[in-house]
Amino acid sequence: MPHVGVRRVNFLEEEAFSYGLADFLIGAYPDRMQSAAHGPDITIQLHFTA
């Protein structure tokens, strides 16, 4: 069990943040995007100018 000892409240806060970030990003387009693959790992970087 990877989440042993972690309170459920923490998950709810992270979930709310994730939904808020998703709502923001729906209307925002990155100024620049970079991606890289190293074996099974893939990294995507989105750069926004505020």
PDB file of N, CA and C in Angstrom:
ATOM      1  N   MET A   1       0.839  -1.188   0.000  1.00  0.00           N
ATOM      2  CA  MET A   1       0.000   0.000   0.000  1.00  0.00           C
ATOM      3  C   MET A   1       0.875   1.240   0.000  1.00  0.00           C
ATOM      4  N   PRO A   2       0.932   1.980  -1.089  1.00  0.00           N
ATOM      5  CA  PRO A   2       1.821   3.137  -1.155  1.00  0.00           C
ATOM      6  C   PRO A   2       1.362   4.336  -0.347  1.00  0.00           C
ATOM      7  N   HIS A   3       0.099   4.405   0.043  1.00  0.00           N
ATOM      8  CA  HIS A   3      -0.426   5.595   0.711  1.00  0.00           C
ATOM      9  C   HIS A   3      -0.742   5.342   2.181  1.00  0.00           C
ATOM     10  N   VAL A   4      -0.035   4.428   2.795  1.00  0.00           N
ATOM     11  CA  VAL A   4      -0.265   4.120   4.203  1.00  0.00           C
ATOM     12  C   VAL A   4       0.179   5.305   5.049  1.00  0.00           C
ATOM     13  N   GLY A   5      -0.646   5.730   5.960  1.00  0.00           N
ATOM     14  CA  GLY A   5      -0.304   6.815   6.865  1.00  0.00           C
ATOM     15  C   GLY A   5      -0.585   8.207   6.320  1.00  0.00           C
ATOM     16  N   VAL A   6      -1.045   8.323   5.094  1.00  0.00           N
ATOM     17  CA  VAL A   6      -1.365   9.623   4.518  1.00  0.00           C
ATOM     18  C   VAL A   6      -2.854   9.879   4.728  1.00  0.00           C
ATOM     19  N   ARG A   7      -3.142  11.048   5.271  1.00  0.00           N
ATOM     20  CA  ARG A   7      -4.550  11.356   5.553  1.00  0.00           C
ATOM     21  C   ARG A   7      -5.321  11.617   4.271  1.00  0.00           C
ATOM     22  N   ARG A   8      -6.583  11.284   4.257  1.00  0.00           N
ATOM     23  CA  ARG A   8      -7.458  11.487   3.099  1.00  0.00           C
ATOM     24  C   ARG A   8      -7.591  12.962   2.747  1.00  0.00           C
ATOM     25  N   VAL A   9      -7.498  13.850   3.740  1.00  0.00           N
ATOM     26  CA  VAL A   9      -7.617  15.293   3.506  1.00  0.00           C
ATOM     27  C   VAL A   9      -6.558  15.749   2.513  1.00  0.00           C
ATOM     28  N   ASN A  10      -5.346  15.215   2.613  1.00  0.00           N
ATOM     29  CA  ASN A  10      -4.276  15.595   1.689  1.00  0.00           C
ATOM     30  C   ASN A  10      -4.656  15.250   0.262  1.00  0.00           C
ATOM     31  N   PHE A  11      -5.267  14.100   0.051  1.00  0.00           N
ATOM     32  CA  PHE A  11      -5.677  13.713  -1.290  1.00  0.00           C
ATOM     33  C   PHE A  11      -6.742  14.655  -1.831  1.00  0.00           C
ATOM     34  N   LEU A  12      -7.679  15.062  -1.005  1.00  0.00           N
ATOM     35  CA  LEU A  12      -8.738  15.966  -1.445  1.00  0.00           C
ATOM     36  C   LEU A  12      -8.167  17.324  -1.830  1.00  0.00           C
ATOM     37  N   GLU A  13      -7.190  17.821  -1.082  1.00  0.00           N
ATOM     38  CA  GLU A  13      -6.562  19.095  -1.404  1.00  0.00           C
ATOM     39  C   GLU A  13      -5.799  18.998  -2.722  1.00  0.00           C
ATOM     40  N   GLU A  14      -5.075  17.916  -2.923  1.00  0.00           N
ATOM     41  CA  GLU A  14      -4.333  17.730  -4.167  1.00  0.00           C
ATOM     42  C   GLU A  14      -5.281  17.585  -5.351  1.00  0.00           C
ATOM     43  N   GLU A  15      -6.393  16.899  -5.144  1.00  0.00           N
ATOM     44  CA  GLU A  15      -7.378  16.716  -6.210  1.00  0.00           C
ATOM     45  C   GLU A  15      -7.996  18.062  -6.591  1.00  0.00           C
ATOM     46  N   ALA A  16      -8.327  18.874  -5.602  1.00  0.00           N
ATOM     47  CA  ALA A  16      -8.904  20.196  -5.881  1.00  0.00           C
ATOM     48  C   ALA A  16      -7.894  21.058  -6.636  1.00  0.00           C
ATOM     49  N   PHE A  17      -6.629  21.007  -6.235  1.00  0.00           N
ATOM     50  CA  PHE A  17      -5.590  21.766  -6.942  1.00  0.00           C
ATOM     51  C   PHE A  17      -5.470  21.295  -8.379  1.00  0.00           C
ATOM     52  N   SER A  18      -5.486  19.988  -8.588  1.00  0.00           N
ATOM     53  CA  SER A  18      -5.359  19.434  -9.941  1.00  0.00           C
ATOM     54  C   SER A  18      -6.503  19.887 -10.834  1.00  0.00           C
ATOM     55  N   TYR A  19      -7.724  19.874 -10.304  1.00  0.00           N
ATOM     56  CA  TYR A  19      -8.865  20.329 -11.100  1.00  0.00           C
ATOM     57  C   TYR A  19      -8.773  21.820 -11.400  1.00  0.00           C
ATOM     58  N   GLY A  20      -8.334  22.621 -10.438  1.00  0.00           N
ATOM     59  CA  GLY A  20      -8.176  24.048 -10.664  1.00  0.00           C
ATOM     60  C   GLY A  20      -7.112  24.332 -11.713  1.00  0.00           C
ATOM     61  N   LEU A  21      -6.015  23.607 -11.646  1.00  0.00           N
ATOM     62  CA  LEU A  21      -4.949  23.775 -12.639  1.00  0.00           C
ATOM     63  C   LEU A  21      -5.436  23.365 -14.016  1.00  0.00           C
ATOM     64  N   ALA A  22      -6.171  22.274 -14.100  1.00  0.00           N
ATOM     65  CA  ALA A  22      -6.710  21.821 -15.387  1.00  0.00           C
ATOM     66  C   ALA A  22      -7.653  22.864 -15.974  1.00  0.00           C
ATOM     67  N   ASP A  23      -8.503  23.465 -15.139  1.00  0.00           N
ATOM     68  CA  ASP A  23      -9.417  24.509 -15.620  1.00  0.00           C
ATOM     69  C   ASP A  23      -8.644  25.704 -16.158  1.00  0.00           C
ATOM     70  N   PHE A  24      -7.573  26.076 -15.478  1.00  0.00           N
ATOM     71  CA  PHE A  24      -6.752  27.196 -15.941  1.00  0.00           C
ATOM     72  C   PHE A  24      -6.087  26.867 -17.270  1.00  0.00           C
ATOM     73  N   LEU A  25      -5.537  25.677 -17.389  1.00  0.00           N
ATOM     74  CA  LEU A  25      -4.774  25.317 -18.582  1.00  0.00           C
ATOM     75  C   LEU A  25      -5.651  25.096 -19.814  1.00  0.00           C
ATOM     76  N   ILE A  26      -6.932  24.849 -19.616  1.00  0.00           N
ATOM     77  CA  ILE A  26      -7.830  24.680 -20.760  1.00  0.00           C
ATOM     78  C   ILE A  26      -7.831  25.946 -21.626  1.00  0.00           C
ATOM     79  N   GLY A  27      -7.767  27.115 -20.999  1.00  0.00           N
ATOM     80  CA  GLY A  27      -7.815  28.359 -21.748  1.00  0.00           C
ATOM     81  C   GLY A  27      -6.455  28.990 -21.992  1.00  0.00           C
ATOM     82  N   ALA A  28      -5.389  28.337 -21.580  1.00  0.00           N
ATOM     83  CA  ALA A  28      -4.050  28.908 -21.742  1.00  0.00           C
ATOM     84  C   ALA A  28      -3.221  28.022 -22.666  1.00  0.00           C
ATOM     85  N   TYR A  29      -2.481  28.672 -23.531  1.00  0.00           N
ATOM     86  CA  TYR A  29      -1.604  27.943 -24.436  1.00  0.00           C
ATOM     87  C   TYR A  29      -0.158  28.248 -24.075  1.00  0.00           C
ATOM     88  N   PRO A  30       0.697  27.251 -24.054  1.00  0.00           N
ATOM     89  CA  PRO A  30       2.094  27.502 -23.687  1.00  0.00           C
ATOM     90  C   PRO A  30       2.811  28.329 -24.751  1.00  0.00           C
ATOM     91  N   ASP A  31       3.753  29.158 -24.293  1.00  0.00           N
ATOM     92  CA  ASP A  31       4.583  29.925 -25.211  1.00  0.00           C
ATOM     93  C   ASP A  31       5.652  29.034 -25.838  1.00  0.00           C
ATOM     94  N   ARG A  32       6.024  28.017 -25.103  1.00  0.00           N
ATOM     95  CA  ARG A  32       7.042  27.099 -25.585  1.00  0.00           C
ATOM     96  C   ARG A  32       6.816  25.726 -24.960  1.00  0.00           C
ATOM     97  N   MET A  33       7.139  24.676 -25.682  1.00  0.00           N
ATOM     98  CA  MET A  33       6.990  23.318 -25.177  1.00  0.00           C
ATOM     99  C   MET A  33       8.253  22.533 -25.501  1.00  0.00           C
ATOM    100  N   GLN A  34       8.715  21.743 -24.544  1.00  0.00           N
ATOM    101  CA  GLN A  34       9.856  20.862 -24.751  1.00  0.00           C
ATOM    102  C   GLN A  34       9.472  19.468 -24.283  1.00  0.00           C
ATOM    103  N   SER A  35       9.975  18.471 -24.974  1.00  0.00           N
ATOM    104  CA  SER A  35       9.739  17.109 -24.530  1.00  0.00           C
ATOM    105  C   SER A  35      11.016  16.304 -24.701  1.00  0.00           C
ATOM    106  N   ALA A  36      11.157  15.292 -23.865  1.00  0.00           N
ATOM    107  CA  ALA A  36      12.330  14.422 -23.921  1.00  0.00           C
ATOM    108  C   ALA A  36      11.923  13.033 -23.452  1.00  0.00           C
ATOM    109  N   ALA A  37      12.551  12.024 -24.032  1.00  0.00           N
ATOM    110  CA  ALA A  37      12.304  10.640 -23.629  1.00  0.00           C
ATOM    111  C   ALA A  37      13.643   9.990 -23.281  1.00  0.00           C
ATOM    112  N   HIS A  38      13.681   9.378 -22.109  1.00  0.00           N
ATOM    113  CA  HIS A  38      14.863   8.656 -21.647  1.00  0.00           C
ATOM    114  C   HIS A  38      14.387   7.287 -21.172  1.00  0.00           C
ATOM    115  N   GLY A  39      14.540   6.289 -22.031  1.00  0.00           N
ATOM    116  CA  GLY A  39      14.046   4.959 -21.700  1.00  0.00           C
ATOM    117  C   GLY A  39      12.542   5.009 -21.543  1.00  0.00           C
ATOM    118  N   PRO A  40      12.026   4.495 -20.429  1.00  0.00           N
ATOM    119  CA  PRO A  40      10.561   4.491 -20.233  1.00  0.00           C
ATOM    120  C   PRO A  40      10.012   5.818 -19.706  1.00  0.00           C
ATOM    121  N   ASP A  41      10.901   6.761 -19.367  1.00  0.00           N
ATOM    122  CA  ASP A  41      10.463   8.038 -18.795  1.00  0.00           C
ATOM    123  C   ASP A  41      10.318   9.092 -19.875  1.00  0.00           C
ATOM    124  N   ILE A  42       9.225   9.838 -19.807  1.00  0.00           N
ATOM    125  CA  ILE A  42       8.962  10.922 -20.740  1.00  0.00           C
ATOM    126  C   ILE A  42       8.721  12.183 -19.922  1.00  0.00           C
ATOM    127  N   THR A  43       9.367  13.273 -20.334  1.00  0.00           N
ATOM    128  CA  THR A  43       9.201  14.554 -19.665  1.00  0.00           C
ATOM    129  C   THR A  43       8.634  15.552 -20.672  1.00  0.00           C
ATOM    130  N   ILE A  44       7.594  16.260 -20.255  1.00  0.00           N
ATOM    131  CA  ILE A  44       7.006  17.327 -21.071  1.00  0.00           C
ATOM    132  C   ILE A  44       7.052  18.596 -20.233  1.00  0.00           C
ATOM    133  N   GLN A  45       7.667  19.644 -20.781  1.00  0.00           N
ATOM    134  CA  GLN A  45       7.735  20.924 -20.104  1.00  0.00           C
ATOM    135  C   GLN A  45       6.929  21.943 -20.902  1.00  0.00           C
ATOM    136  N   LEU A  46       5.996  22.589 -20.226  1.00  0.00           N
ATOM    137  CA  LEU A  46       5.199  23.650 -20.841  1.00  0.00           C
ATOM    138  C   LEU A  46       5.647  24.958 -20.205  1.00  0.00           C
ATOM    139  N   HIS A  47       6.030  25.927 -21.021  1.00  0.00           N
ATOM    140  CA  HIS A  47       6.521  27.213 -20.539  1.00  0.00           C
ATOM    141  C   HIS A  47       5.471  28.283 -20.834  1.00  0.00           C
ATOM    142  N   PHE A  48       5.078  28.997 -19.760  1.00  0.00           N
ATOM    143  CA  PHE A  48       4.088  30.062 -19.886  1.00  0.00           C
ATOM    144  C   PHE A  48       4.719  31.381 -19.464  1.00  0.00           C
ATOM    145  N   THR A  49       4.473  32.434 -20.202  1.00  0.00           N
ATOM    146  CA  THR A  49       4.921  33.756 -19.841  1.00  0.00           C
ATOM    147  C   THR A  49       3.734  34.500 -19.229  1.00  0.00           C
ATOM    148  N   ALA A  50       3.911  34.902 -17.989  1.00  0.00           N
ATOM    149  CA  ALA A  50       2.804  35.574 -17.289  1.00  0.00           C
ATOM    150  C   ALA A  50       2.930  37.074 -17.399  1.00  0.00           C
TER     151      ALA A  50
END
